[in-house]
Amino acid sequence: MQVTETGEAVVWCEARDGGRRERINMLLVGDQTPGTWVLTFQGSALRVMTPEEAAQTSDALLALAQTMSGDTSQLDTLFADLVNREPLLPPHLQAELAASKKTASETTASEASKARKEMP
């Protein structure tokens, strides 16, 4: 949501599509100026967002709503930042994957060595 009017701890915000206006508690993120985008949940701002993050989040929510109603025609447009991009694992999963590949490689090499020794 975007801050439209300031106040003390609670401000007026408007949804990106302009269809919803709410009073939002800003205690977690502090005072924000009109025009600032915030991620909200149940009447509270959780964090400040860049305009780009707000647009991507809005597009993702629109894609979800459309998909749930059976319309997948705009997925490539709404997820343009993901089209033709290789998925990336977070660093902790990259490390886990590398470790499991190393273990698998070592196991295969050990089994091959053992099989050679057992050959007549």
N, C-alpha and C. Protein backbone atom coordinates (compact mmCIF):
# COMPACT_ATOMS: atom_id res chain seq x y z
N MET A 1 0.85 -1.17 0.00
CA MET A 1 0.00 0.00 0.00
C MET A 1 0.89 1.24 0.00
N GLN A 2 0.34 2.33 -0.45
CA GLN A 2 1.09 3.58 -0.52
C GLN A 2 0.52 4.57 0.48
N VAL A 3 1.43 5.18 1.24
CA VAL A 3 1.02 6.19 2.21
C VAL A 3 0.46 7.39 1.46
N THR A 4 -0.76 7.82 1.85
CA THR A 4 -1.38 8.98 1.20
C THR A 4 -1.49 10.17 2.13
N GLU A 5 -1.64 9.90 3.43
CA GLU A 5 -1.74 10.97 4.42
C GLU A 5 -0.97 10.55 5.67
N THR A 6 -0.25 11.48 6.24
CA THR A 6 0.52 11.16 7.45
C THR A 6 -0.30 11.43 8.70
N GLY A 7 0.15 10.86 9.78
CA GLY A 7 -0.48 11.05 11.08
C GLY A 7 0.47 10.52 12.14
N GLU A 8 0.01 10.45 13.36
CA GLU A 8 0.85 9.93 14.44
C GLU A 8 0.60 8.44 14.59
N ALA A 9 1.57 7.62 14.23
CA ALA A 9 1.56 6.16 14.35
C ALA A 9 0.58 5.47 13.41
N VAL A 10 -0.51 6.12 13.03
CA VAL A 10 -1.48 5.53 12.11
C VAL A 10 -1.69 6.50 10.95
N VAL A 11 -1.60 5.96 9.72
CA VAL A 11 -1.73 6.81 8.54
C VAL A 11 -2.73 6.20 7.57
N TRP A 12 -3.17 7.01 6.63
CA TRP A 12 -4.03 6.51 5.56
C TRP A 12 -3.16 6.02 4.42
N CYS A 13 -3.49 4.81 3.93
CA CYS A 13 -2.78 4.23 2.80
C CYS A 13 -3.79 3.76 1.76
N GLU A 14 -3.33 3.68 0.54
CA GLU A 14 -4.19 3.24 -0.55
C GLU A 14 -3.52 2.08 -1.28
N ALA A 15 -4.33 1.11 -1.66
CA ALA A 15 -3.81 -0.03 -2.41
C ALA A 15 -3.35 0.43 -3.79
N ARG A 16 -2.43 -0.31 -4.37
CA ARG A 16 -1.86 0.05 -5.67
C ARG A 16 -2.92 0.21 -6.75
N ASP A 17 -3.96 -0.61 -6.70
CA ASP A 17 -5.01 -0.53 -7.72
C ASP A 17 -6.02 0.58 -7.43
N GLY A 18 -5.85 1.26 -6.31
CA GLY A 18 -6.73 2.38 -5.97
C GLY A 18 -8.09 1.95 -5.46
N GLY A 19 -8.31 0.65 -5.35
CA GLY A 19 -9.62 0.16 -4.95
C GLY A 19 -9.85 0.06 -3.46
N ARG A 20 -8.81 0.27 -2.68
CA ARG A 20 -8.95 0.09 -1.24
C ARG A 20 -8.14 1.15 -0.51
N ARG A 21 -8.73 1.69 0.53
CA ARG A 21 -8.07 2.70 1.36
C ARG A 21 -8.21 2.25 2.81
N GLU A 22 -7.09 2.25 3.55
CA GLU A 22 -7.12 1.77 4.93
C GLU A 22 -6.26 2.65 5.83
N ARG A 23 -6.60 2.61 7.11
CA ARG A 23 -5.72 3.21 8.12
C ARG A 23 -4.73 2.13 8.53
N ILE A 24 -3.45 2.46 8.45
CA ILE A 24 -2.39 1.48 8.71
C ILE A 24 -1.52 1.95 9.87
N ASN A 25 -1.26 1.03 10.79
CA ASN A 25 -0.39 1.28 11.94
C ASN A 25 1.06 1.26 11.44
N MET A 26 1.82 2.31 11.74
CA MET A 26 3.19 2.45 11.25
C MET A 26 4.24 2.26 12.35
N LEU A 27 3.86 1.74 13.49
CA LEU A 27 4.80 1.62 14.61
C LEU A 27 6.02 0.77 14.27
N LEU A 28 5.88 -0.26 13.44
CA LEU A 28 7.03 -1.12 13.11
C LEU A 28 8.01 -0.48 12.14
N VAL A 29 7.54 0.45 11.32
CA VAL A 29 8.42 1.05 10.30
C VAL A 29 8.72 2.53 10.54
N GLY A 30 8.06 3.12 11.51
CA GLY A 30 8.28 4.54 11.79
C GLY A 30 7.49 5.44 10.86
N ASP A 31 7.62 6.73 11.09
CA ASP A 31 6.91 7.71 10.27
C ASP A 31 7.40 7.64 8.83
N GLN A 32 6.46 7.72 7.90
CA GLN A 32 6.80 7.69 6.48
C GLN A 32 6.06 8.83 5.79
N THR A 33 6.67 9.33 4.74
CA THR A 33 6.08 10.45 4.01
C THR A 33 5.09 9.93 2.97
N PRO A 34 4.14 10.78 2.57
CA PRO A 34 3.21 10.38 1.51
C PRO A 34 3.99 9.96 0.26
N GLY A 35 3.50 8.90 -0.38
CA GLY A 35 4.17 8.36 -1.55
C GLY A 35 5.01 7.14 -1.26
N THR A 36 5.32 6.90 0.03
CA THR A 36 6.11 5.75 0.42
C THR A 36 5.27 4.48 0.30
N TRP A 37 5.88 3.42 -0.23
CA TRP A 37 5.22 2.12 -0.34
C TRP A 37 5.57 1.28 0.88
N VAL A 38 4.56 0.60 1.44
CA VAL A 38 4.78 -0.28 2.58
C VAL A 38 4.09 -1.62 2.35
N LEU A 39 4.72 -2.67 2.85
CA LEU A 39 4.12 -4.00 2.85
C LEU A 39 3.28 -4.09 4.12
N THR A 40 2.01 -4.39 3.98
CA THR A 40 1.11 -4.41 5.13
C THR A 40 0.51 -5.79 5.35
N PHE A 41 0.13 -6.03 6.59
CA PHE A 41 -0.58 -7.25 6.95
C PHE A 41 -1.45 -6.95 8.15
N GLN A 42 -2.73 -7.23 8.01
CA GLN A 42 -3.71 -7.04 9.07
C GLN A 42 -3.62 -5.67 9.73
N GLY A 43 -3.55 -4.64 8.92
CA GLY A 43 -3.61 -3.28 9.43
C GLY A 43 -2.31 -2.69 9.93
N SER A 44 -1.19 -3.39 9.74
CA SER A 44 0.11 -2.87 10.18
C SER A 44 1.10 -2.90 9.02
N ALA A 45 1.93 -1.88 8.95
CA ALA A 45 3.02 -1.86 7.98
C ALA A 45 4.15 -2.72 8.53
N LEU A 46 4.61 -3.67 7.72
CA LEU A 46 5.68 -4.57 8.17
C LEU A 46 7.05 -4.08 7.74
N ARG A 47 7.11 -3.46 6.55
CA ARG A 47 8.39 -2.92 6.08
C ARG A 47 8.15 -1.95 4.94
N VAL A 48 9.12 -1.06 4.74
CA VAL A 48 9.08 -0.10 3.66
C VAL A 48 9.57 -0.80 2.40
N MET A 49 8.94 -0.51 1.27
CA MET A 49 9.30 -1.13 -0.01
C MET A 49 9.73 -0.07 -1.01
N THR A 50 10.58 -0.48 -1.95
CA THR A 50 10.90 0.41 -3.07
C THR A 50 9.72 0.38 -4.03
N PRO A 51 9.60 1.38 -4.90
CA PRO A 51 8.52 1.33 -5.90
C PRO A 51 8.60 0.07 -6.77
N GLU A 52 9.81 -0.39 -7.07
CA GLU A 52 9.98 -1.59 -7.88
C GLU A 52 9.45 -2.83 -7.15
N GLU A 53 9.79 -2.94 -5.85
CA GLU A 53 9.29 -4.07 -5.06
C GLU A 53 7.76 -4.03 -4.97
N ALA A 54 7.22 -2.84 -4.79
CA ALA A 54 5.77 -2.70 -4.70
C ALA A 54 5.11 -3.13 -6.01
N ALA A 55 5.68 -2.75 -7.14
CA ALA A 55 5.12 -3.14 -8.44
C ALA A 55 5.20 -4.65 -8.64
N GLN A 56 6.33 -5.25 -8.30
CA GLN A 56 6.47 -6.70 -8.44
C GLN A 56 5.50 -7.44 -7.53
N THR A 57 5.33 -6.97 -6.31
CA THR A 57 4.41 -7.60 -5.38
C THR A 57 2.98 -7.48 -5.87
N SER A 58 2.63 -6.31 -6.37
CA SER A 58 1.30 -6.09 -6.91
C SER A 58 1.04 -7.01 -8.11
N ASP A 59 2.02 -7.11 -9.00
CA ASP A 59 1.89 -8.00 -10.16
C ASP A 59 1.73 -9.46 -9.73
N ALA A 60 2.49 -9.87 -8.72
CA ALA A 60 2.40 -11.25 -8.24
C ALA A 60 1.01 -11.53 -7.65
N LEU A 61 0.47 -10.59 -6.89
CA LEU A 61 -0.86 -10.77 -6.32
C LEU A 61 -1.93 -10.81 -7.40
N LEU A 62 -1.77 -9.98 -8.43
CA LEU A 62 -2.71 -10.00 -9.55
C LEU A 62 -2.62 -11.33 -10.29
N ALA A 63 -1.41 -11.82 -10.52
CA ALA A 63 -1.22 -13.11 -11.20
C ALA A 63 -1.87 -14.23 -10.39
N LEU A 64 -1.72 -14.19 -9.08
CA LEU A 64 -2.32 -15.21 -8.22
C LEU A 64 -3.84 -15.17 -8.34
N ALA A 65 -4.42 -13.99 -8.26
CA ALA A 65 -5.88 -13.85 -8.36
C ALA A 65 -6.37 -14.34 -9.72
N GLN A 66 -5.67 -13.97 -10.79
CA GLN A 66 -6.08 -14.40 -12.12
C GLN A 66 -5.96 -15.91 -12.29
N THR A 67 -4.87 -16.47 -11.79
CA THR A 67 -4.66 -17.91 -11.89
C THR A 67 -5.72 -18.67 -11.12
N MET A 68 -6.08 -18.17 -9.95
CA MET A 68 -7.11 -18.83 -9.16
C MET A 68 -8.47 -18.79 -9.85
N SER A 69 -8.68 -17.81 -10.72
CA SER A 69 -9.94 -17.75 -11.46
C SER A 69 -9.83 -18.46 -12.81
N GLY A 70 -8.67 -19.10 -13.06
CA GLY A 70 -8.51 -19.88 -14.28
C GLY A 70 -7.85 -19.15 -15.44
N ASP A 71 -7.48 -17.91 -15.26
CA ASP A 71 -6.86 -17.12 -16.33
C ASP A 71 -5.35 -17.08 -16.14
N THR A 72 -4.62 -17.73 -17.04
CA THR A 72 -3.16 -17.72 -16.97
C THR A 72 -2.55 -16.97 -18.15
N SER A 73 -3.36 -16.20 -18.85
CA SER A 73 -2.91 -15.55 -20.08
C SER A 73 -1.87 -14.45 -19.86
N GLN A 74 -1.80 -13.88 -18.67
CA GLN A 74 -0.87 -12.77 -18.43
C GLN A 74 0.32 -13.12 -17.55
N LEU A 75 0.53 -14.41 -17.28
CA LEU A 75 1.60 -14.79 -16.38
C LEU A 75 2.97 -14.30 -16.85
N ASP A 76 3.28 -14.45 -18.14
CA ASP A 76 4.59 -14.00 -18.63
C ASP A 76 4.75 -12.49 -18.48
N THR A 77 3.68 -11.75 -18.65
CA THR A 77 3.73 -10.29 -18.50
C THR A 77 3.89 -9.91 -17.03
N LEU A 78 3.12 -10.55 -16.16
CA LEU A 78 3.14 -10.20 -14.74
C LEU A 78 4.40 -10.67 -14.04
N PHE A 79 5.04 -11.71 -14.57
CA PHE A 79 6.30 -12.21 -14.02
C PHE A 79 7.43 -12.01 -15.02
N ALA A 80 7.44 -10.85 -15.67
CA ALA A 80 8.44 -10.57 -16.72
C ALA A 80 9.87 -10.70 -16.20
N ASP A 81 10.08 -10.39 -14.92
CA ASP A 81 11.43 -10.47 -14.35
C ASP A 81 11.89 -11.92 -14.18
N LEU A 82 10.98 -12.88 -14.28
CA LEU A 82 11.35 -14.28 -14.11
C LEU A 82 11.42 -15.06 -15.42
N VAL A 83 10.83 -14.50 -16.48
CA VAL A 83 10.80 -15.20 -17.77
C VAL A 83 12.22 -15.30 -18.31
N ASN A 84 12.56 -16.47 -18.82
CA ASN A 84 13.89 -16.75 -19.40
C ASN A 84 15.03 -16.57 -18.41
N ARG A 85 14.75 -16.80 -17.15
CA ARG A 85 15.80 -16.70 -16.13
C ARG A 85 15.93 -18.05 -15.42
N GLU A 86 17.14 -18.49 -15.26
CA GLU A 86 17.37 -19.74 -14.54
C GLU A 86 17.02 -19.52 -13.07
N PRO A 87 16.30 -20.46 -12.48
CA PRO A 87 16.00 -20.33 -11.06
C PRO A 87 17.28 -20.41 -10.22
N LEU A 88 17.33 -19.64 -9.15
CA LEU A 88 18.49 -19.64 -8.27
C LEU A 88 18.08 -20.14 -6.89
N LEU A 89 18.88 -21.04 -6.35
CA LEU A 89 18.65 -21.47 -4.98
C LEU A 89 19.26 -20.45 -4.03
N PRO A 90 18.67 -20.30 -2.84
CA PRO A 90 19.29 -19.43 -1.84
C PRO A 90 20.64 -20.03 -1.43
N PRO A 91 21.56 -19.19 -0.93
CA PRO A 91 22.92 -19.65 -0.61
C PRO A 91 22.98 -20.89 0.27
N HIS A 92 22.12 -20.98 1.30
CA HIS A 92 22.19 -22.15 2.19
C HIS A 92 21.81 -23.44 1.46
N LEU A 93 20.91 -23.36 0.48
CA LEU A 93 20.56 -24.55 -0.29
C LEU A 93 21.61 -24.86 -1.36
N GLN A 94 22.27 -23.82 -1.89
CA GLN A 94 23.36 -24.05 -2.83
C GLN A 94 24.47 -24.84 -2.15
N ALA A 95 24.80 -24.48 -0.91
CA ALA A 95 25.84 -25.16 -0.16
C ALA A 95 25.44 -26.61 0.13
N GLU A 96 24.18 -26.82 0.48
CA GLU A 96 23.69 -28.17 0.75
C GLU A 96 23.73 -29.03 -0.51
N LEU A 97 23.33 -28.46 -1.64
CA LEU A 97 23.36 -29.19 -2.91
C LEU A 97 24.79 -29.56 -3.29
N ALA A 98 25.72 -28.61 -3.14
CA ALA A 98 27.12 -28.88 -3.46
C ALA A 98 27.67 -30.00 -2.58
N ALA A 99 27.32 -29.98 -1.30
CA ALA A 99 27.79 -31.02 -0.37
C ALA A 99 27.22 -32.38 -0.74
N SER A 100 25.95 -32.42 -1.12
CA SER A 100 25.34 -33.71 -1.48
C SER A 100 25.92 -34.24 -2.78
N LYS A 101 26.25 -33.36 -3.74
CA LYS A 101 26.89 -33.80 -4.99
C LYS A 101 28.28 -34.34 -4.71
N LYS A 102 29.00 -33.69 -3.80
CA LYS A 102 30.35 -34.15 -3.44
C LYS A 102 30.27 -35.52 -2.79
N THR A 103 29.35 -35.70 -1.89
CA THR A 103 29.17 -36.99 -1.21
C THR A 103 28.80 -38.07 -2.21
N ALA A 104 27.90 -37.76 -3.13
CA ALA A 104 27.48 -38.73 -4.15
C ALA A 104 28.66 -39.10 -5.04
N SER A 105 29.46 -38.11 -5.41
CA SER A 105 30.63 -38.35 -6.26
C SER A 105 31.65 -39.23 -5.54
N GLU A 106 31.88 -38.94 -4.27
CA GLU A 106 32.83 -39.74 -3.48
C GLU A 106 32.34 -41.17 -3.30
N THR A 107 31.03 -41.33 -3.09
CA THR A 107 30.45 -42.66 -2.94
C THR A 107 30.60 -43.46 -4.23
N THR A 108 30.32 -42.83 -5.37
CA THR A 108 30.45 -43.49 -6.66
C THR A 108 31.90 -43.89 -6.92
N ALA A 109 32.84 -43.02 -6.62
CA ALA A 109 34.26 -43.32 -6.83
C ALA A 109 34.70 -44.46 -5.91
N SER A 110 34.23 -44.47 -4.69
CA SER A 110 34.58 -45.52 -3.73
C SER A 110 34.03 -46.87 -4.18
N GLU A 111 32.79 -46.86 -4.66
CA GLU A 111 32.17 -48.09 -5.14
C GLU A 111 32.89 -48.62 -6.37
N ALA A 112 33.28 -47.73 -7.26
CA ALA A 112 34.00 -48.15 -8.47
C ALA A 112 35.35 -48.75 -8.10
N SER A 113 36.05 -48.14 -7.16
CA SER A 113 37.34 -48.64 -6.71
C SER A 113 37.18 -50.02 -6.07
N LYS A 114 36.16 -50.16 -5.26
CA LYS A 114 35.89 -51.44 -4.60
C LYS A 114 35.58 -52.52 -5.64
N ALA A 115 34.78 -52.17 -6.64
CA ALA A 115 34.41 -53.13 -7.69
C ALA A 115 35.65 -53.57 -8.47
N ARG A 116 36.61 -52.65 -8.74
CA ARG A 116 37.83 -53.00 -9.47
C ARG A 116 38.67 -53.98 -8.65
N LYS A 117 38.72 -53.79 -7.34
CA LYS A 117 39.52 -54.65 -6.48
C LYS A 117 38.92 -56.06 -6.41
N GLU A 118 37.60 -56.15 -6.53
CA GLU A 118 36.94 -57.45 -6.42
C GLU A 118 36.94 -58.21 -7.74
N MET A 119 37.34 -57.58 -8.82
CA MET A 119 37.35 -58.26 -10.12
C MET A 119 38.45 -59.32 -10.12
N PRO A 120 38.15 -60.52 -10.74
CA PRO A 120 39.15 -61.60 -10.79
C PRO A 120 40.30 -61.29 -11.72
